[in-house]
Amino acid sequence: MKVQWTIQLIPITVITGIALSCWTSCATGNNVGRQSATGPGAKEWVIELPNLPEGAKKLVLVRIPAGTFSMGSPDTELGRDPDESPVHKVTITHDFYLGRYEVTQAQWAALMPENPSTSRGMDLPVNRVSWEDCQGFLQRLNQVFKDSRFRLPTEAEREYACRAGTSTATYFGDNPSPEDLEKHAWFRENSEGELHPVGQKLANPWGLYDLYGNVWEWCQDWYGPYPDEAQTNPTGPDTGKEKVFRGASWMAKPQYLRSADRGKFPPDAQQNTGGFRIAWGPSAGPLFGLPEGRTRRDLLFSWMPWLSTV
């Protein structure tokens, strides 16, 4: 007797939704990400670093929603540089996480053997770190939490998160007054030539601090000219000689305190004014960890290949 089987397929979007939900609740193991209130998928995610001194700022990540924005600055923006053109549309198709604060010296010391900073204080941002040094910290962070998605933000993610839905020169308006700048940033006019603890100025609308000033921040991308056409999840040139940094520093002039301002240094450069903040999530694709060019259907069939023959 021949038995005929009937397989009822569950819509791919349902299966992938269930899989993503499971993945986000279990992504990092240990004591991070097990509770949806503080792990991936939550609005805010507190990373419990080992050996962090009592009273030190926690490593907190903020969920940044997917969206589209205009990257770069118009010709009319005061203080702009030519490499901020052309203004082009960029779409970030996935939510991702970005550090609420710049990485502090206490957070750095919790994972790394030496603190390279020029001024010492547990809640001061770590400074004088190269792009390569940052990769060492991120590698250690991924090892500790058995993950692979802690990384630097792309240049596009950094500008998108900084703007927080705005299109003006700063997230608090065009041509801000000196008084307004001082409410949001440590820079040449108010820093007294030194670093300051993170989180003392006003946050942007998405709850991120020190996006202008204090220390400039490394991005993942190689530096290169902007394209004319719209982009989706851009990650910069494939190769280069210099890495992008964003945000200006405690030594910056006011004209550099803008969302579109760009800078560049070789990846081994250790500048007294340089630091970083971390990101978590994919650098491309609609699902966390989905490689460029792959779809939900591809991912589903890689998990359950028998479905492709049904």
Protein backbone atom coordinates (compact mmCIF):
# COMPACT_ATOMS: atom_id res chain seq x y z
CA MET A 1 0.00 0.00 0.00
CA LYS A 2 1.38 3.42 -0.97
CA VAL A 3 1.16 6.07 1.70
CA GLN A 4 0.80 9.65 0.46
CA TRP A 5 2.06 12.37 2.73
CA THR A 6 0.69 15.89 2.77
CA ILE A 7 2.91 18.62 4.14
CA GLN A 8 1.31 21.84 5.26
CA LEU A 9 3.88 24.60 4.75
CA ILE A 10 4.01 27.41 7.23
CA PRO A 11 4.53 30.79 5.55
CA ILE A 12 8.20 31.69 5.39
CA THR A 13 7.61 35.00 7.13
CA VAL A 14 6.11 33.14 10.12
CA ILE A 15 8.96 30.66 10.37
CA THR A 16 11.64 33.28 10.01
CA GLY A 17 9.87 35.47 12.53
CA ILE A 18 9.86 32.61 15.05
CA ALA A 19 13.49 31.82 14.29
CA LEU A 20 14.53 35.45 14.68
CA SER A 21 12.63 35.72 17.94
CA CYS A 22 14.42 32.63 19.26
CA TRP A 23 17.76 33.92 18.01
CA THR A 24 17.41 37.32 19.63
CA SER A 25 16.55 35.79 22.99
CA CYS A 26 19.53 33.43 22.95
CA ALA A 27 22.08 35.28 20.87
CA THR A 28 24.85 35.90 23.33
CA GLY A 29 24.60 33.22 25.97
CA ASN A 30 25.93 33.74 29.50
CA ASN A 31 23.90 36.32 31.43
CA VAL A 32 23.42 38.72 28.53
CA GLY A 33 20.36 38.66 26.33
CA ARG A 34 18.43 36.03 28.27
CA GLN A 35 15.75 38.46 29.35
CA SER A 36 13.95 40.33 26.59
CA ALA A 37 13.82 43.40 28.84
CA THR A 38 17.59 43.85 28.60
CA GLY A 39 18.75 41.80 25.62
CA PRO A 40 18.54 41.89 21.82
CA GLY A 41 15.10 43.04 20.73
CA ALA A 42 14.67 45.38 23.70
CA LYS A 43 14.78 49.15 23.42
CA GLU A 44 17.83 49.23 25.68
CA TRP A 45 20.41 46.51 26.30
CA VAL A 46 22.81 46.55 29.26
CA ILE A 47 25.99 44.53 28.66
CA GLU A 48 27.24 43.15 31.98
CA LEU A 49 31.00 43.35 31.58
CA PRO A 50 33.13 41.24 33.89
CA ASN A 51 35.32 43.07 36.41
CA LEU A 52 33.64 46.44 35.87
CA PRO A 53 34.25 48.57 39.00
CA GLU A 54 31.26 49.32 41.18
CA GLY A 55 29.75 52.68 40.28
CA ALA A 56 31.25 52.76 36.79
CA LYS A 57 29.06 53.54 33.80
CA LYS A 58 27.48 50.41 32.33
CA LEU A 59 27.99 49.48 28.70
CA VAL A 60 24.50 50.32 27.44
CA LEU A 61 23.29 49.81 23.87
CA VAL A 62 20.27 51.60 22.39
CA ARG A 63 18.15 50.05 19.68
CA ILE A 64 18.20 52.14 16.51
CA PRO A 65 15.22 51.59 14.17
CA ALA A 66 15.58 50.89 10.47
CA GLY A 67 14.92 53.82 8.16
CA THR A 68 15.96 56.09 5.33
CA PHE A 69 17.79 59.42 5.50
CA SER A 70 19.77 61.89 3.40
CA MET A 71 23.48 61.40 4.06
CA GLY A 72 25.91 64.29 3.64
CA SER A 73 25.46 68.05 3.76
CA PRO A 74 24.00 70.60 1.30
CA ASP A 75 26.17 73.33 -0.20
CA THR A 76 24.43 75.88 2.02
CA GLU A 77 25.50 74.26 5.32
CA LEU A 78 27.98 76.44 7.21
CA GLY A 79 31.34 74.86 7.97
CA ARG A 80 30.88 71.94 5.59
CA ASP A 81 33.69 70.22 3.68
CA PRO A 82 33.59 69.11 0.03
CA ASP A 83 33.78 65.41 0.93
CA GLU A 84 30.30 65.65 2.46
CA SER A 85 28.85 65.80 -1.07
CA PRO A 86 26.85 64.68 -2.85
CA VAL A 87 23.89 64.37 -0.53
CA HIS A 88 22.45 60.94 -1.27
CA LYS A 89 19.64 58.78 0.04
CA VAL A 90 20.66 55.89 2.32
CA THR A 91 18.39 53.15 3.59
CA ILE A 92 19.22 51.06 6.66
CA THR A 93 16.99 48.00 6.31
CA HIS A 94 17.60 46.54 9.77
CA ASP A 95 17.41 47.66 13.36
CA PHE A 96 20.80 47.72 15.07
CA TYR A 97 22.24 48.72 18.42
CA LEU A 98 24.62 51.58 19.19
CA GLY A 99 26.35 52.52 22.42
CA ARG A 100 24.53 55.10 24.49
CA TYR A 101 27.96 56.42 25.47
CA GLU A 102 31.46 56.34 24.09
CA VAL A 103 33.41 53.37 25.48
CA THR A 104 34.85 54.39 28.85
CA GLN A 105 38.20 53.61 30.38
CA ALA A 106 36.62 51.33 32.98
CA GLN A 107 34.86 49.36 30.24
CA TRP A 108 38.08 49.12 28.25
CA ALA A 109 40.05 47.96 31.30
CA ALA A 110 37.46 45.27 32.04
CA LEU A 111 38.56 43.42 28.90
CA MET A 112 41.98 44.75 27.90
CA PRO A 113 45.35 44.48 29.69
CA GLU A 114 46.42 48.13 29.33
CA ASN A 115 44.70 51.51 29.34
CA PRO A 116 46.32 53.72 26.66
CA SER A 117 44.49 56.90 27.65
CA THR A 118 46.31 60.16 28.25
CA SER A 119 44.04 61.26 31.12
CA ARG A 120 42.75 58.74 33.62
CA GLY A 121 39.24 58.33 35.01
CA MET A 122 36.89 55.36 34.95
CA ASP A 123 34.04 57.25 33.24
CA LEU A 124 36.25 59.23 30.90
CA PRO A 125 36.14 57.94 27.34
CA VAL A 126 39.09 55.74 26.46
CA ASN A 127 41.33 57.70 24.10
CA ARG A 128 44.50 57.25 22.08
CA VAL A 129 43.16 54.00 20.63
CA SER A 130 43.71 53.09 17.00
CA TRP A 131 41.10 51.46 14.77
CA GLU A 132 43.15 48.27 15.14
CA ASP A 133 43.07 48.60 18.95
CA CYS A 134 39.28 48.86 18.77
CA GLN A 135 39.15 45.62 16.79
CA GLY A 136 41.08 43.94 19.61
CA PHE A 137 38.52 45.14 22.17
CA LEU A 138 35.62 44.00 19.98
CA GLN A 139 37.21 40.60 19.41
CA ARG A 140 37.57 40.15 23.15
CA LEU A 141 33.97 41.30 23.73
CA ASN A 142 32.68 38.79 21.19
CA GLN A 143 34.76 36.04 22.80
CA VAL A 144 33.49 36.78 26.30
CA PHE A 145 29.84 36.74 25.24
CA LYS A 146 30.20 34.01 22.60
CA ASP A 147 28.95 36.34 19.89
CA SER A 148 30.17 37.72 16.58
CA ARG A 149 28.06 40.83 16.12
CA PHE A 150 29.76 43.40 18.36
CA ARG A 151 31.53 45.78 15.98
CA LEU A 152 32.11 49.40 15.07
CA PRO A 153 29.22 51.21 13.40
CA THR A 154 29.38 51.86 9.69
CA GLU A 155 29.74 55.49 8.70
CA ALA A 156 26.15 55.50 7.45
CA GLU A 157 24.83 54.00 10.69
CA ARG A 158 26.76 56.56 12.73
CA GLU A 159 25.35 59.54 10.81
CA TYR A 160 21.85 58.05 10.74
CA ALA A 161 21.85 57.49 14.51
CA CYS A 162 23.33 60.93 15.15
CA ARG A 163 20.64 62.65 13.08
CA ALA A 164 17.86 60.70 14.81
CA GLY A 165 15.33 61.67 12.15
CA THR A 166 16.55 65.25 11.68
CA SER A 167 17.93 66.82 8.50
CA THR A 168 19.54 69.92 9.99
CA ALA A 169 23.26 70.53 10.54
CA THR A 170 22.95 69.28 14.11
CA TYR A 171 20.19 67.21 15.65
CA PHE A 172 19.14 70.37 17.54
CA GLY A 173 19.00 72.70 14.53
CA ASP A 174 20.90 74.69 11.93
CA ASN A 175 23.46 77.32 12.93
CA PRO A 176 23.18 76.65 16.68
CA SER A 177 24.24 79.32 19.13
CA PRO A 178 27.36 78.87 21.30
CA GLU A 179 25.05 78.35 24.26
CA ASP A 180 23.22 75.51 22.50
CA LEU A 181 26.47 73.87 21.46
CA GLU A 182 27.70 73.92 25.04
CA LYS A 183 24.56 72.11 26.19
CA HIS A 184 25.28 69.19 23.87
CA ALA A 185 29.05 68.90 23.43
CA TRP A 186 32.52 69.19 24.92
CA PHE A 187 34.67 71.09 22.40
CA ARG A 188 37.38 73.73 22.19
CA GLU A 189 35.27 76.51 23.72
CA ASN A 190 34.24 74.70 26.91
CA SER A 191 36.42 71.60 27.45
CA GLU A 192 39.36 73.48 29.04
CA GLY A 193 41.65 71.28 26.98
CA GLU A 194 40.73 67.97 28.56
CA LEU A 195 38.45 64.94 28.38
CA HIS A 196 35.20 64.82 30.33
CA PRO A 197 33.14 61.93 31.72
CA VAL A 198 30.63 60.54 29.24
CA GLY A 199 26.95 61.40 29.44
CA GLN A 200 27.20 64.84 31.05
CA LYS A 201 25.71 66.78 28.15
CA LEU A 202 22.23 66.51 26.62
CA ALA A 203 21.39 63.40 24.57
CA ASN A 204 20.01 63.37 21.05
CA PRO A 205 16.34 62.41 20.44
CA TRP A 206 17.26 58.69 20.39
CA GLY A 207 19.05 58.82 23.73
CA LEU A 208 22.68 58.87 22.57
CA TYR A 209 25.25 61.08 24.29
CA ASP A 210 28.42 62.88 23.18
CA LEU A 211 27.76 62.46 19.48
CA TYR A 212 29.60 65.75 19.00
CA GLY A 213 32.84 66.41 20.84
CA ASN A 214 34.68 64.72 23.73
CA VAL A 215 36.42 62.12 21.52
CA TRP A 216 35.95 61.53 17.83
CA GLU A 217 34.83 57.98 17.07
CA TRP A 218 36.14 55.34 14.69
CA CYS A 219 33.77 53.81 12.13
CA GLN A 220 34.19 50.47 10.42
CA ASP A 221 34.49 51.86 6.88
CA TRP A 222 37.45 52.69 4.74
CA TYR A 223 37.30 56.38 3.79
CA GLY A 224 36.18 57.20 0.26
CA PRO A 225 34.08 59.61 -1.82
CA TYR A 226 30.31 59.45 -1.67
CA PRO A 227 28.35 57.97 -4.59
CA ASP A 228 25.76 59.89 -6.58
CA GLU A 229 23.13 57.18 -6.36
CA ALA A 230 21.00 55.97 -3.46
CA GLN A 231 22.47 53.20 -1.30
CA THR A 232 21.15 50.42 0.90
CA ASN A 233 23.17 49.34 3.95
CA PRO A 234 26.42 50.86 2.65
CA THR A 235 29.69 49.68 4.18
CA GLY A 236 32.14 51.96 2.35
CA PRO A 237 34.90 51.09 -0.12
CA ASP A 238 36.33 47.56 -0.23
CA THR A 239 39.87 48.81 0.38
CA GLY A 240 41.64 52.00 1.35
CA LYS A 241 44.43 53.61 3.33
CA GLU A 242 42.43 55.47 5.96
CA LYS A 243 39.46 54.66 8.17
CA VAL A 244 36.57 57.04 8.81
CA PHE A 245 36.00 58.79 12.09
CA ARG A 246 33.01 60.85 13.17
CA GLY A 247 31.87 63.25 15.86
CA ALA A 248 34.80 65.66 16.40
CA SER A 249 36.52 66.00 19.79
CA TRP A 250 37.16 68.10 22.88
CA MET A 251 39.68 70.08 20.80
CA ALA A 252 37.35 70.69 17.84
CA LYS A 253 36.24 74.05 16.54
CA PRO A 254 32.45 74.66 16.47
CA GLN A 255 32.15 74.11 12.69
CA TYR A 256 33.08 70.46 13.13
CA LEU A 257 30.18 69.79 15.49
CA ARG A 258 27.79 68.70 12.76
CA SER A 259 26.05 65.43 11.89
CA ALA A 260 27.62 65.22 8.42
CA ASP A 261 31.20 66.08 9.39
CA ARG A 262 33.75 63.43 8.34
CA GLY A 263 37.36 62.70 9.20
CA LYS A 264 39.96 60.05 8.40
CA PHE A 265 43.14 58.51 9.79
CA PRO A 266 45.22 55.41 9.04
CA PRO A 267 43.89 52.40 10.99
CA ASP A 268 47.03 52.23 13.15
CA ALA A 269 46.88 55.91 14.18
CA GLN A 270 46.62 56.56 17.92
CA GLN A 271 45.37 60.10 18.41
CA ASN A 272 44.90 61.74 21.80
CA THR A 273 41.48 62.94 20.63
CA GLY A 274 40.30 59.54 19.31
CA GLY A 275 37.97 56.95 20.85
CA PHE A 276 34.97 54.87 19.81
CA ARG A 277 31.50 53.54 20.62
CA ILE A 278 30.32 50.06 19.80
CA ALA A 279 27.53 48.74 17.60
CA TRP A 280 25.83 45.37 17.48
CA GLY A 281 23.93 43.72 14.66
CA PRO A 282 24.33 43.09 10.96
CA SER A 283 26.22 45.35 8.63
CA ALA A 284 23.95 44.40 5.72
CA GLY A 285 20.75 42.48 5.06
CA PRO A 286 17.25 42.53 6.60
CA LEU A 287 18.00 39.87 9.21
CA PHE A 288 20.72 39.85 11.84
CA GLY A 289 23.68 37.99 10.40
CA LEU A 290 22.15 37.64 6.92
CA PRO A 291 24.92 37.87 4.31
CA GLU A 292 24.74 40.38 1.48
CA GLY A 293 22.55 39.12 -1.35
CA ARG A 294 20.75 36.43 0.66
CA THR A 295 17.02 36.41 1.30
CA ARG A 296 14.78 35.06 4.04
CA ARG A 297 13.97 32.16 1.71
CA ASP A 298 17.69 31.35 1.32
CA LEU A 299 18.13 31.42 5.07
CA LEU A 300 15.13 29.20 5.68
CA PHE A 301 16.30 26.59 3.17
CA SER A 302 19.78 26.57 4.70
CA TRP A 303 18.18 25.62 8.03
CA MET A 304 15.70 23.10 6.52
CA PRO A 305 16.97 22.07 3.07
CA TRP A 306 14.20 19.52 2.57
CA LEU A 307 11.76 22.40 2.07
CA SER A 308 13.39 23.32 -1.24
CA THR A 309 12.35 19.97 -2.72
CA VAL A 310 8.73 20.06 -1.59
